[in-house]
Amino acid sequence: MNCVNCGCRLTFFNETDELWSGTDRALCVSCRKKITPFLEEPTQGDNLAHLHERRDALIARGITPEGYAHLTEYCKHLDSLLAKGRREIPDEIPAEPYPETPDAEGQETVAPAAAAGNGGGGEWRVALAAQKKENEKIERQLDVLGTELGDSTRIICDRLERMRERIRLLIYLASIGAVGGVLAFLVSLIVLIR
């Protein structure tokens, strides 16, 4: 596999994680350092628009057209994830009609506003509608956060798995080196004893 930006051969020692899982494309360590400031910048809105604003600075750092195209795909991916989590919040929530309640004698029914007396029920109704609207906004925000956290968790799990594989390889290489060292020590002891 080669670096998406500079095209150098990626090995165990210079390969970085994918920007997003499932691409099977990665950057070398030096190219990843070139884009790290861009990745760490907070964006207020559209990620793709933010990338286009930073285009000249990225090219000045050494991002090639291939690397810029890869970053464009990454920003589109992020924007699609955010778009999935967003839902339109209605401007006005219609007030639900309140069921009528029977009066003390049970002969006729009255609305809660009339039962409250002196117009106090109207204020209560407005406050209840406003609270309901706030609750729905909070629920939608929680849905968006849940989607974003789910995607972030999946990306982190993928990175952890790749890190585990690298650690296993390092342990394997260290154990081979240790066994080789022990054998060399034993051979030198046998030579000294003879």
N, C-alpha and C. Protein backbone atom coordinates (compact mmCIF):
# COMPACT_ATOMS: atom_id res chain seq x y z
N MET A 1 0.85 -1.17 0.00
CA MET A 1 0.00 0.00 0.00
C MET A 1 0.90 1.24 0.00
N ASN A 2 0.46 2.28 -0.70
CA ASN A 2 1.22 3.51 -0.80
C ASN A 2 0.49 4.66 -0.13
N CYS A 3 1.25 5.70 0.23
CA CYS A 3 0.68 6.90 0.84
C CYS A 3 -0.26 7.58 -0.16
N VAL A 4 -1.39 8.02 0.30
CA VAL A 4 -2.37 8.68 -0.56
C VAL A 4 -1.83 10.00 -1.09
N ASN A 5 -1.00 10.67 -0.30
CA ASN A 5 -0.52 12.00 -0.69
C ASN A 5 0.76 11.93 -1.52
N CYS A 6 1.83 11.39 -0.95
CA CYS A 6 3.12 11.44 -1.65
C CYS A 6 3.42 10.19 -2.46
N GLY A 7 2.71 9.10 -2.21
CA GLY A 7 2.90 7.88 -3.00
C GLY A 7 4.01 6.98 -2.50
N CYS A 8 4.66 7.32 -1.38
CA CYS A 8 5.73 6.45 -0.88
C CYS A 8 5.15 5.15 -0.35
N ARG A 9 5.99 4.13 -0.34
CA ARG A 9 5.55 2.81 0.13
C ARG A 9 5.31 2.86 1.64
N LEU A 10 4.16 2.37 2.08
CA LEU A 10 3.84 2.34 3.49
C LEU A 10 4.30 1.02 4.09
N THR A 11 5.01 1.14 5.18
CA THR A 11 5.47 -0.05 5.92
C THR A 11 4.92 0.04 7.33
N PHE A 12 5.27 -0.94 8.12
CA PHE A 12 4.83 -0.97 9.51
C PHE A 12 5.30 0.27 10.27
N PHE A 13 6.44 0.81 9.90
CA PHE A 13 7.05 1.90 10.66
C PHE A 13 6.62 3.29 10.22
N ASN A 14 6.07 3.46 9.01
CA ASN A 14 5.67 4.80 8.59
C ASN A 14 4.19 4.91 8.22
N GLU A 15 3.42 3.86 8.47
CA GLU A 15 1.99 3.89 8.14
C GLU A 15 1.19 4.48 9.30
N THR A 16 0.19 5.28 8.97
CA THR A 16 -0.71 5.83 9.98
C THR A 16 -2.08 5.21 9.78
N ASP A 17 -3.00 5.50 10.69
CA ASP A 17 -4.35 4.99 10.57
C ASP A 17 -5.10 5.70 9.45
N GLU A 18 -6.13 5.02 8.95
CA GLU A 18 -6.98 5.63 7.92
C GLU A 18 -7.71 6.82 8.53
N LEU A 19 -8.04 7.80 7.69
CA LEU A 19 -8.81 8.94 8.20
C LEU A 19 -10.20 8.48 8.62
N TRP A 20 -10.79 7.56 7.86
CA TRP A 20 -12.05 6.95 8.27
C TRP A 20 -12.02 5.50 7.83
N SER A 21 -12.67 4.65 8.60
CA SER A 21 -12.55 3.22 8.38
C SER A 21 -13.24 2.81 7.09
N GLY A 22 -12.72 1.78 6.48
CA GLY A 22 -13.31 1.24 5.27
C GLY A 22 -12.70 1.78 3.99
N THR A 23 -11.72 2.69 4.07
CA THR A 23 -11.14 3.24 2.85
C THR A 23 -9.96 2.42 2.36
N ASP A 24 -9.28 1.73 3.27
CA ASP A 24 -8.06 0.99 2.95
C ASP A 24 -7.00 1.88 2.30
N ARG A 25 -7.04 3.17 2.64
CA ARG A 25 -6.04 4.12 2.18
C ARG A 25 -5.54 4.90 3.39
N ALA A 26 -4.24 5.14 3.41
CA ALA A 26 -3.66 5.82 4.56
C ALA A 26 -2.57 6.77 4.09
N LEU A 27 -2.09 7.56 5.03
CA LEU A 27 -1.02 8.52 4.78
C LEU A 27 0.23 8.06 5.51
N CYS A 28 1.39 8.46 4.99
CA CYS A 28 2.63 8.19 5.71
C CYS A 28 2.71 9.16 6.89
N VAL A 29 3.64 8.93 7.77
CA VAL A 29 3.76 9.74 8.98
C VAL A 29 4.02 11.21 8.64
N SER A 30 4.90 11.48 7.69
CA SER A 30 5.22 12.88 7.38
C SER A 30 4.03 13.59 6.74
N CYS A 31 3.28 12.92 5.88
CA CYS A 31 2.10 13.55 5.26
C CYS A 31 0.99 13.73 6.29
N ARG A 32 0.88 12.80 7.21
CA ARG A 32 -0.13 12.94 8.27
C ARG A 32 0.18 14.16 9.14
N LYS A 33 1.46 14.42 9.39
CA LYS A 33 1.85 15.60 10.16
C LYS A 33 1.49 16.88 9.41
N LYS A 34 1.52 16.83 8.08
CA LYS A 34 1.19 18.01 7.28
C LYS A 34 -0.29 18.38 7.40
N ILE A 35 -1.16 17.37 7.54
CA ILE A 35 -2.60 17.66 7.60
C ILE A 35 -3.14 17.70 9.03
N THR A 36 -2.33 17.32 10.00
CA THR A 36 -2.80 17.30 11.38
C THR A 36 -3.33 18.65 11.86
N PRO A 37 -2.68 19.78 11.55
CA PRO A 37 -3.26 21.06 11.98
C PRO A 37 -4.65 21.30 11.41
N PHE A 38 -4.87 20.89 10.16
CA PHE A 38 -6.20 21.04 9.56
C PHE A 38 -7.22 20.16 10.27
N LEU A 39 -6.83 18.91 10.58
CA LEU A 39 -7.76 17.98 11.23
C LEU A 39 -8.13 18.43 12.63
N GLU A 40 -7.22 19.13 13.30
CA GLU A 40 -7.48 19.55 14.68
C GLU A 40 -8.21 20.88 14.78
N GLU A 41 -8.37 21.59 13.65
CA GLU A 41 -9.08 22.87 13.67
C GLU A 41 -10.57 22.62 13.88
N PRO A 42 -11.19 23.36 14.78
CA PRO A 42 -12.65 23.21 14.95
C PRO A 42 -13.39 23.86 13.78
N THR A 43 -14.44 23.21 13.33
CA THR A 43 -15.25 23.76 12.24
C THR A 43 -16.60 24.15 12.79
N GLN A 44 -17.10 25.29 12.35
CA GLN A 44 -18.39 25.77 12.80
C GLN A 44 -19.53 25.18 11.98
N GLY A 45 -19.27 24.85 10.74
CA GLY A 45 -20.36 24.38 9.90
C GLY A 45 -19.93 23.23 9.01
N ASP A 46 -19.94 23.50 7.73
CA ASP A 46 -19.68 22.50 6.70
C ASP A 46 -18.18 22.19 6.64
N ASN A 47 -17.82 20.91 6.76
CA ASN A 47 -16.41 20.51 6.72
C ASN A 47 -15.80 20.72 5.34
N LEU A 48 -16.59 20.48 4.29
CA LEU A 48 -16.08 20.65 2.93
C LEU A 48 -15.77 22.11 2.64
N ALA A 49 -16.62 23.02 3.10
CA ALA A 49 -16.36 24.44 2.91
C ALA A 49 -15.11 24.85 3.69
N HIS A 50 -14.93 24.29 4.87
CA HIS A 50 -13.75 24.58 5.67
C HIS A 50 -12.48 24.12 4.94
N LEU A 51 -12.56 22.95 4.30
CA LEU A 51 -11.42 22.44 3.54
C LEU A 51 -11.08 23.38 2.39
N HIS A 52 -12.09 23.84 1.67
CA HIS A 52 -11.85 24.75 0.55
C HIS A 52 -11.23 26.06 1.01
N GLU A 53 -11.60 26.52 2.20
CA GLU A 53 -11.00 27.74 2.74
C GLU A 53 -9.52 27.54 3.06
N ARG A 54 -9.17 26.35 3.49
CA ARG A 54 -7.79 26.05 3.91
C ARG A 54 -6.95 25.45 2.77
N ARG A 55 -7.46 25.42 1.56
CA ARG A 55 -6.80 24.76 0.43
C ARG A 55 -5.38 25.29 0.20
N ASP A 56 -5.24 26.60 0.11
CA ASP A 56 -3.92 27.18 -0.18
C ASP A 56 -2.90 26.85 0.91
N ALA A 57 -3.32 26.90 2.16
CA ALA A 57 -2.41 26.57 3.26
C ALA A 57 -1.98 25.10 3.20
N LEU A 58 -2.90 24.22 2.85
CA LEU A 58 -2.57 22.79 2.75
C LEU A 58 -1.60 22.54 1.60
N ILE A 59 -1.84 23.17 0.47
CA ILE A 59 -0.94 23.00 -0.68
C ILE A 59 0.44 23.55 -0.34
N ALA A 60 0.48 24.67 0.39
CA ALA A 60 1.77 25.24 0.80
C ALA A 60 2.53 24.29 1.73
N ARG A 61 1.82 23.49 2.51
CA ARG A 61 2.47 22.51 3.40
C ARG A 61 2.94 21.28 2.66
N GLY A 62 2.51 21.09 1.41
CA GLY A 62 2.97 19.94 0.64
C GLY A 62 1.89 18.92 0.32
N ILE A 63 0.64 19.31 0.38
CA ILE A 63 -0.44 18.39 0.02
C ILE A 63 -0.58 18.37 -1.50
N THR A 64 -0.54 17.19 -2.08
CA THR A 64 -0.64 17.03 -3.53
C THR A 64 -2.11 16.98 -3.95
N PRO A 65 -2.39 17.05 -5.25
CA PRO A 65 -3.78 16.93 -5.70
C PRO A 65 -4.45 15.62 -5.25
N GLU A 66 -3.68 14.54 -5.22
CA GLU A 66 -4.24 13.26 -4.76
C GLU A 66 -4.59 13.33 -3.28
N GLY A 67 -3.70 13.93 -2.50
CA GLY A 67 -3.97 14.08 -1.07
C GLY A 67 -5.15 15.00 -0.82
N TYR A 68 -5.26 16.06 -1.62
CA TYR A 68 -6.38 16.99 -1.46
C TYR A 68 -7.70 16.30 -1.83
N ALA A 69 -7.66 15.46 -2.87
CA ALA A 69 -8.88 14.71 -3.25
C ALA A 69 -9.28 13.76 -2.13
N HIS A 70 -8.31 13.14 -1.46
CA HIS A 70 -8.61 12.24 -0.35
C HIS A 70 -9.22 13.03 0.82
N LEU A 71 -8.68 14.20 1.11
CA LEU A 71 -9.25 15.05 2.15
C LEU A 71 -10.66 15.50 1.79
N THR A 72 -10.90 15.75 0.52
CA THR A 72 -12.25 16.13 0.07
C THR A 72 -13.23 14.99 0.33
N GLU A 73 -12.83 13.76 0.01
CA GLU A 73 -13.69 12.60 0.30
C GLU A 73 -13.95 12.47 1.79
N TYR A 74 -12.92 12.71 2.60
CA TYR A 74 -13.05 12.61 4.05
C TYR A 74 -14.05 13.65 4.56
N CYS A 75 -13.95 14.89 4.08
CA CYS A 75 -14.87 15.94 4.53
C CYS A 75 -16.30 15.64 4.08
N LYS A 76 -16.46 15.09 2.88
CA LYS A 76 -17.80 14.70 2.42
C LYS A 76 -18.37 13.61 3.33
N HIS A 77 -17.49 12.68 3.73
CA HIS A 77 -17.92 11.60 4.63
C HIS A 77 -18.38 12.18 5.97
N LEU A 78 -17.60 13.11 6.53
CA LEU A 78 -17.99 13.74 7.80
C LEU A 78 -19.30 14.49 7.66
N ASP A 79 -19.45 15.23 6.56
CA ASP A 79 -20.69 15.99 6.36
C ASP A 79 -21.89 15.07 6.19
N SER A 80 -21.68 13.91 5.55
CA SER A 80 -22.81 12.98 5.41
C SER A 80 -23.19 12.38 6.76
N LEU A 81 -22.19 12.13 7.62
CA LEU A 81 -22.49 11.62 8.96
C LEU A 81 -23.29 12.64 9.76
N LEU A 82 -22.89 13.90 9.66
CA LEU A 82 -23.60 14.95 10.39
C LEU A 82 -24.99 15.16 9.82
N ALA A 83 -25.13 15.02 8.50
CA ALA A 83 -26.45 15.21 7.89
C ALA A 83 -27.42 14.11 8.31
N LYS A 84 -26.91 12.90 8.51
CA LYS A 84 -27.77 11.81 8.95
C LYS A 84 -28.32 12.08 10.34
N GLY A 85 -27.50 12.71 11.18
CA GLY A 85 -27.92 12.95 12.56
C GLY A 85 -28.81 14.16 12.73
N ARG A 86 -28.80 15.04 11.75
CA ARG A 86 -29.60 16.26 11.89
C ARG A 86 -31.04 16.01 11.47
N ARG A 87 -31.93 16.61 12.18
CA ARG A 87 -33.35 16.58 11.83
C ARG A 87 -33.87 17.99 11.93
N GLU A 88 -34.83 18.27 11.11
CA GLU A 88 -35.42 19.61 11.16
C GLU A 88 -36.21 19.77 12.45
N ILE A 89 -35.98 20.87 13.12
CA ILE A 89 -36.73 21.18 14.34
C ILE A 89 -37.84 22.13 13.96
N PRO A 90 -39.10 21.78 14.19
CA PRO A 90 -40.20 22.66 13.80
C PRO A 90 -40.16 23.96 14.60
N ASP A 91 -40.57 25.05 13.93
CA ASP A 91 -40.58 26.35 14.60
C ASP A 91 -41.65 26.43 15.67
N GLU A 92 -42.77 25.86 15.40
CA GLU A 92 -43.90 25.99 16.32
C GLU A 92 -44.50 24.62 16.57
N ILE A 93 -44.72 24.29 17.78
CA ILE A 93 -45.38 23.04 18.14
C ILE A 93 -46.83 23.38 18.44
N PRO A 94 -47.75 22.77 17.73
CA PRO A 94 -49.15 23.10 17.99
C PRO A 94 -49.57 22.63 19.38
N ALA A 95 -50.36 23.46 20.01
CA ALA A 95 -50.86 23.11 21.34
C ALA A 95 -51.92 22.02 21.19
N GLU A 96 -51.76 20.98 22.01
CA GLU A 96 -52.73 19.89 21.95
C GLU A 96 -53.99 20.30 22.71
N PRO A 97 -55.13 19.92 22.22
CA PRO A 97 -56.35 20.22 22.97
C PRO A 97 -56.37 19.39 24.25
N TYR A 98 -56.79 20.02 25.32
CA TYR A 98 -56.85 19.32 26.60
C TYR A 98 -58.19 18.62 26.73
N PRO A 99 -58.18 17.44 27.25
CA PRO A 99 -59.46 16.75 27.45
C PRO A 99 -60.27 17.47 28.53
N GLU A 100 -61.53 17.45 28.32
CA GLU A 100 -62.40 18.10 29.30
C GLU A 100 -62.52 17.21 30.52
N THR A 101 -62.64 17.85 31.68
CA THR A 101 -62.75 17.11 32.93
C THR A 101 -64.12 17.35 33.53
N PRO A 102 -64.69 16.35 34.16
CA PRO A 102 -66.01 16.56 34.75
C PRO A 102 -65.92 17.46 35.98
N ASP A 103 -66.97 18.25 36.19
CA ASP A 103 -66.98 19.10 37.38
C ASP A 103 -67.34 18.27 38.61
N ALA A 104 -67.48 18.93 39.73
CA ALA A 104 -67.68 18.22 41.00
C ALA A 104 -68.94 17.37 41.00
N GLU A 105 -70.01 17.84 40.35
CA GLU A 105 -71.26 17.08 40.38
C GLU A 105 -71.30 16.01 39.31
N GLY A 106 -70.38 16.07 38.31
CA GLY A 106 -70.35 15.07 37.28
C GLY A 106 -71.41 15.28 36.21
N GLN A 107 -72.11 16.45 36.21
CA GLN A 107 -73.18 16.66 35.24
C GLN A 107 -72.65 17.23 33.94
N GLU A 108 -71.76 18.19 34.01
CA GLU A 108 -71.23 18.77 32.78
C GLU A 108 -69.72 18.82 32.86
N THR A 109 -69.09 19.05 31.74
CA THR A 109 -67.64 19.06 31.71
C THR A 109 -67.14 20.47 31.44
N VAL A 110 -65.91 20.75 31.94
CA VAL A 110 -65.29 22.05 31.73
C VAL A 110 -63.85 21.85 31.31
N ALA A 111 -63.30 22.78 30.56
CA ALA A 111 -61.90 22.72 30.13
C ALA A 111 -61.02 23.09 31.31
N PRO A 112 -59.74 22.67 31.31
CA PRO A 112 -58.85 23.00 32.43
C PRO A 112 -58.69 24.50 32.63
N ALA A 113 -58.70 25.28 31.56
CA ALA A 113 -58.54 26.72 31.70
C ALA A 113 -59.71 27.30 32.48
N ALA A 114 -60.91 26.85 32.18
CA ALA A 114 -62.08 27.35 32.89
C ALA A 114 -62.10 26.83 34.32
N ALA A 115 -61.60 25.60 34.52
CA ALA A 115 -61.58 25.03 35.86
C ALA A 115 -60.58 25.75 36.75
N ALA A 116 -59.48 26.29 36.16
CA ALA A 116 -58.48 26.98 36.95
C ALA A 116 -59.00 28.31 37.46
N GLY A 117 -59.91 28.91 36.74
CA GLY A 117 -60.52 30.16 37.17
C GLY A 117 -59.63 31.37 36.93
N ASN A 118 -60.24 32.49 36.64
CA ASN A 118 -59.57 33.78 36.46
C ASN A 118 -58.47 33.76 35.40
N GLY A 119 -58.54 32.94 34.40
CA GLY A 119 -57.60 32.94 33.27
C GLY A 119 -56.23 32.38 33.60
N GLY A 120 -56.00 31.78 34.73
CA GLY A 120 -54.68 31.25 35.10
C GLY A 120 -54.29 30.04 34.27
N GLY A 121 -55.25 29.33 33.71
CA GLY A 121 -54.94 28.13 32.94
C GLY A 121 -54.28 28.44 31.62
N GLY A 122 -54.52 29.62 31.04
CA GLY A 122 -53.91 29.97 29.76
C GLY A 122 -52.40 30.09 29.88
N GLU A 123 -51.92 30.68 30.96
CA GLU A 123 -50.49 30.82 31.17
C GLU A 123 -49.85 29.44 31.38
N TRP A 124 -50.54 28.62 32.11
CA TRP A 124 -50.04 27.26 32.35
C TRP A 124 -49.92 26.50 31.04
N ARG A 125 -50.90 26.69 30.17
CA ARG A 125 -50.92 26.00 28.88
C ARG A 125 -49.76 26.47 28.01
N VAL A 126 -49.48 27.76 27.99
CA VAL A 126 -48.36 28.30 27.21
C VAL A 126 -47.03 27.78 27.76
N ALA A 127 -46.90 27.76 29.08
CA ALA A 127 -45.67 27.27 29.70
C ALA A 127 -45.47 25.79 29.40
N LEU A 128 -46.55 25.02 29.40
CA LEU A 128 -46.45 23.59 29.10
C LEU A 128 -46.04 23.37 27.66
N ALA A 129 -46.61 24.15 26.73
CA ALA A 129 -46.24 24.03 25.32
C ALA A 129 -44.78 24.41 25.11
N ALA A 130 -44.30 25.46 25.79
CA ALA A 130 -42.91 25.87 25.67
C ALA A 130 -41.98 24.79 26.22
N GLN A 131 -42.35 24.19 27.34
CA GLN A 131 -41.53 23.12 27.93
C GLN A 131 -41.49 21.91 27.01
N LYS A 132 -42.61 21.60 26.39
CA LYS A 132 -42.66 20.46 25.47
C LYS A 132 -41.77 20.72 24.26
N LYS A 133 -41.77 21.94 23.76
CA LYS A 133 -40.93 22.30 22.64
C LYS A 133 -39.46 22.16 23.00
N GLU A 134 -39.08 22.62 24.19
CA GLU A 134 -37.70 22.50 24.66
C GLU A 134 -37.29 21.03 24.80
N ASN A 135 -38.21 20.21 25.32
CA ASN A 135 -37.91 18.78 25.48
C ASN A 135 -37.66 18.12 24.14
N GLU A 136 -38.44 18.47 23.13
CA GLU A 136 -38.25 17.88 21.81
C GLU A 136 -36.93 18.32 21.19
N LYS A 137 -36.54 19.58 21.40
CA LYS A 137 -35.25 20.04 20.90
C LYS A 137 -34.11 19.26 21.55
N ILE A 138 -34.22 19.05 22.86
CA ILE A 138 -33.19 18.31 23.58
C ILE A 138 -33.12 16.86 23.09
N GLU A 139 -34.26 16.25 22.83
CA GLU A 139 -34.28 14.88 22.31
C GLU A 139 -33.60 14.79 20.95
N ARG A 140 -33.84 15.76 20.10
CA ARG A 140 -33.21 15.76 18.78
C ARG A 140 -31.71 15.97 18.89
N GLN A 141 -31.29 16.84 19.79
CA GLN A 141 -29.85 17.04 19.99
C GLN A 141 -29.19 15.77 20.52
N LEU A 142 -29.89 15.06 21.39
CA LEU A 142 -29.35 13.80 21.90
C LEU A 142 -29.24 12.76 20.78
N ASP A 143 -30.20 12.74 19.86
CA ASP A 143 -30.12 11.83 18.72
C ASP A 143 -28.89 12.12 17.87
N VAL A 144 -28.64 13.41 17.61
CA VAL A 144 -27.47 13.81 16.82
C VAL A 144 -26.19 13.40 17.54
N LEU A 145 -26.10 13.69 18.83
CA LEU A 145 -24.90 13.32 19.60
C LEU A 145 -24.71 11.81 19.63
N GLY A 146 -25.80 11.07 19.75
CA GLY A 146 -25.70 9.62 19.76
C GLY A 146 -25.13 9.09 18.46
N THR A 147 -25.57 9.65 17.34
CA THR A 147 -25.06 9.23 16.04
C THR A 147 -23.58 9.56 15.91
N GLU A 148 -23.20 10.78 16.30
CA GLU A 148 -21.80 11.18 16.21
C GLU A 148 -20.92 10.32 17.12
N LEU A 149 -21.38 10.05 18.33
CA LEU A 149 -20.60 9.23 19.25
C LEU A 149 -20.47 7.80 18.76
N GLY A 150 -21.53 7.28 18.14
CA GLY A 150 -21.47 5.93 17.60
C GLY A 150 -20.41 5.80 16.52
N ASP A 151 -20.36 6.79 15.61
CA ASP A 151 -19.35 6.77 14.56
C ASP A 151 -17.95 6.96 15.13
N SER A 152 -17.82 7.86 16.09
CA SER A 152 -16.51 8.09 16.71
C SER A 152 -16.04 6.83 17.44
N THR A 153 -16.95 6.16 18.11
CA THR A 153 -16.59 4.94 18.84
C THR A 153 -16.12 3.86 17.87
N ARG A 154 -16.79 3.74 16.73
CA ARG A 154 -16.40 2.74 15.74
C ARG A 154 -15.00 3.04 15.20
N ILE A 155 -14.71 4.31 14.94
CA ILE A 155 -13.39 4.69 14.43
C ILE A 155 -12.32 4.39 15.47
N ILE A 156 -12.60 4.71 16.74
CA ILE A 156 -11.63 4.45 17.80
C ILE A 156 -11.39 2.95 17.95
N CYS A 157 -12.45 2.15 17.86
CA CYS A 157 -12.29 0.69 17.96
C CYS A 157 -11.42 0.15 16.83
N ASP A 158 -11.62 0.69 15.61
CA ASP A 158 -10.79 0.26 14.48
C ASP A 158 -9.33 0.61 14.73
N ARG A 159 -9.09 1.80 15.26
CA ARG A 159 -7.70 2.21 15.53
C ARG A 159 -7.08 1.36 16.63
N LEU A 160 -7.87 1.04 17.65
CA LEU A 160 -7.34 0.19 18.72
C LEU A 160 -6.98 -1.20 18.20
N GLU A 161 -7.80 -1.73 17.31
CA GLU A 161 -7.52 -3.05 16.75
C GLU A 161 -6.23 -3.04 15.95
N ARG A 162 -6.04 -1.98 15.17
CA ARG A 162 -4.79 -1.88 14.40
C ARG A 162 -3.60 -1.72 15.34
N MET A 163 -3.77 -0.99 16.44
CA MET A 163 -2.69 -0.82 17.40
C MET A 163 -2.37 -2.16 18.06
N ARG A 164 -3.39 -2.95 18.37
CA ARG A 164 -3.16 -4.28 18.96
C ARG A 164 -2.34 -5.15 18.02
N GLU A 165 -2.66 -5.10 16.72
CA GLU A 165 -1.92 -5.88 15.75
C GLU A 165 -0.45 -5.47 15.72
N ARG A 166 -0.20 -4.16 15.78
CA ARG A 166 1.18 -3.68 15.78
C ARG A 166 1.92 -4.11 17.05
N ILE A 167 1.22 -4.06 18.19
CA ILE A 167 1.85 -4.47 19.44
C ILE A 167 2.18 -5.96 19.40
N ARG A 168 1.28 -6.77 18.84
CA ARG A 168 1.55 -8.21 18.72
C ARG A 168 2.79 -8.45 17.86
N LEU A 169 2.90 -7.69 16.77
CA LEU A 169 4.06 -7.85 15.90
C LEU A 169 5.34 -7.44 16.63
N LEU A 170 5.29 -6.34 17.38
CA LEU A 170 6.47 -5.92 18.14
C LEU A 170 6.86 -6.96 19.19
N ILE A 171 5.87 -7.52 19.86
CA ILE A 171 6.16 -8.56 20.86
C ILE A 171 6.80 -9.78 20.19
N TYR A 172 6.27 -10.14 19.04
CA TYR A 172 6.82 -11.27 18.29
C TYR A 172 8.27 -11.00 17.90
N LEU A 173 8.53 -9.79 17.37
CA LEU A 173 9.90 -9.45 16.97
C LEU A 173 10.82 -9.40 18.19
N ALA A 174 10.33 -8.88 19.32
CA ALA A 174 11.15 -8.82 20.53
C ALA A 174 11.46 -10.22 21.05
N SER A 175 10.46 -11.11 20.98
CA SER A 175 10.71 -12.48 21.46
C SER A 175 11.72 -13.20 20.56
N ILE A 176 11.65 -12.95 19.26
CA ILE A 176 12.63 -13.56 18.35
C ILE A 176 14.02 -13.03 18.66
N GLY A 177 14.11 -11.73 18.92
CA GLY A 177 15.40 -11.13 19.28
C GLY A 177 15.93 -11.69 20.59
N ALA A 178 15.04 -11.88 21.56
CA ALA A 178 15.46 -12.42 22.85
C ALA A 178 15.96 -13.85 22.71
N VAL A 179 15.23 -14.65 21.94
CA VAL A 179 15.65 -16.05 21.73
C VAL A 179 16.99 -16.08 21.01
N GLY A 180 17.14 -15.21 20.02
CA GLY A 180 18.43 -15.15 19.32
C GLY A 180 19.56 -14.75 20.24
N GLY A 181 19.30 -13.79 21.14
CA GLY A 181 20.32 -13.37 22.09
C GLY A 181 20.70 -14.48 23.05
N VAL A 182 19.70 -15.21 23.54
CA VAL A 182 19.98 -16.32 24.46
C VAL A 182 20.79 -17.39 23.76
N LEU A 183 20.44 -17.71 22.51
CA LEU A 183 21.21 -18.73 21.77
C LEU A 183 22.64 -18.27 21.54
N ALA A 184 22.81 -17.00 21.21
CA ALA A 184 24.17 -16.49 21.00
C ALA A 184 24.97 -16.56 22.30
N PHE A 185 24.34 -16.25 23.41
CA PHE A 185 25.02 -16.33 24.71
C PHE A 185 25.42 -17.77 25.02
N LEU A 186 24.52 -18.73 24.77
CA LEU A 186 24.83 -20.13 25.04
C LEU A 186 25.97 -20.63 24.14
N VAL A 187 25.95 -20.22 22.88
CA VAL A 187 27.01 -20.64 21.97
C VAL A 187 28.36 -20.09 22.44
N SER A 188 28.33 -18.81 22.89
CA SER A 188 29.61 -18.22 23.37
C SER A 188 30.09 -18.92 24.65
N LEU A 189 29.16 -19.34 25.52
CA LEU A 189 29.55 -20.09 26.71
C LEU A 189 30.18 -21.44 26.34
N ILE A 190 29.57 -22.11 25.38
CA ILE A 190 30.09 -23.44 24.95
C ILE A 190 31.48 -23.26 24.36
N VAL A 191 31.66 -22.21 23.59
CA VAL A 191 32.99 -21.98 22.98
C VAL A 191 34.00 -21.67 24.07
N LEU A 192 33.63 -20.90 25.09
CA LEU A 192 34.57 -20.56 26.16
C LEU A 192 34.90 -21.78 27.02
N ILE A 193 33.94 -22.67 27.23
CA ILE A 193 34.17 -23.84 28.07
C ILE A 193 35.11 -24.81 27.38
N ARG A 194 35.04 -24.97 26.09
CA ARG A 194 35.92 -25.92 25.38
C ARG A 194 37.27 -25.41 25.36
